[in-house]
Amino acid sequence: MKRVLKPEKKKAAERINALKQKAETNKIDEYLRENIEGYASMGEANKSMIRQIVREGRALGISEADILSYARVAEHAGLNIEFDANMKDGEAGYYDPKSNKIVVNPKTTKKHKLLLIHELDHALRKFVAGDKVHTIVYENADKRLSQETRDMIEKEYSDQDTDVSRAELFADEASAYYS
């Protein structure tokens, strides 16, 4: 049987819940001020984004060291980091240039720091060079990649439903592979 609270008890429970949330936010803020150099001077919107990274990371069992790495990248690069537990097995994460965020599979078997570097490489290449980077990187990657690595990238990305050409997708992934 579902328990129904009287209006005054419901309001009291809501106030208690709000106080608990405020206390948790204060603890996270203190933690982030101690561990992220520019946190105290950030705007509230950015602080909120970084708090969310901490909350989600902790809820999903990601290590504190990895959570701080994600939070620091968010603070320094202005990228949002989101965790998506509904990603397919084998998918570690991706950079979404349209929303300027990195999406991470919290169940990935890849080391989070390596994943973060890999996806940050995608973000930086999009930011710094735009589409021109693909031709240069593709030509260089074509010379450097082993056939085994080339086959692995081709297999992994051949069935992607995307408006990006296969050459661009391959070049982008090949360059990030080496980061």
Foldseek 3Di string as FASTA:
>chain_A
DDDDDDPVVVVVVVVVVVVVVVVVLVVLLVVCVVQAPCSVVDDPVLSVLLVVLVVVCVVLPHDPVLSSVQSNCCVPVVAREEEDCPDDPPDAWAADQVRRYIYGNSPHPDDSVLVVQLRVLLSVCCVPPNQVVLVVQLVVLVVPDDPVVLVVQCVVPVPDDDPDDPSSSSSSNSVSVVD
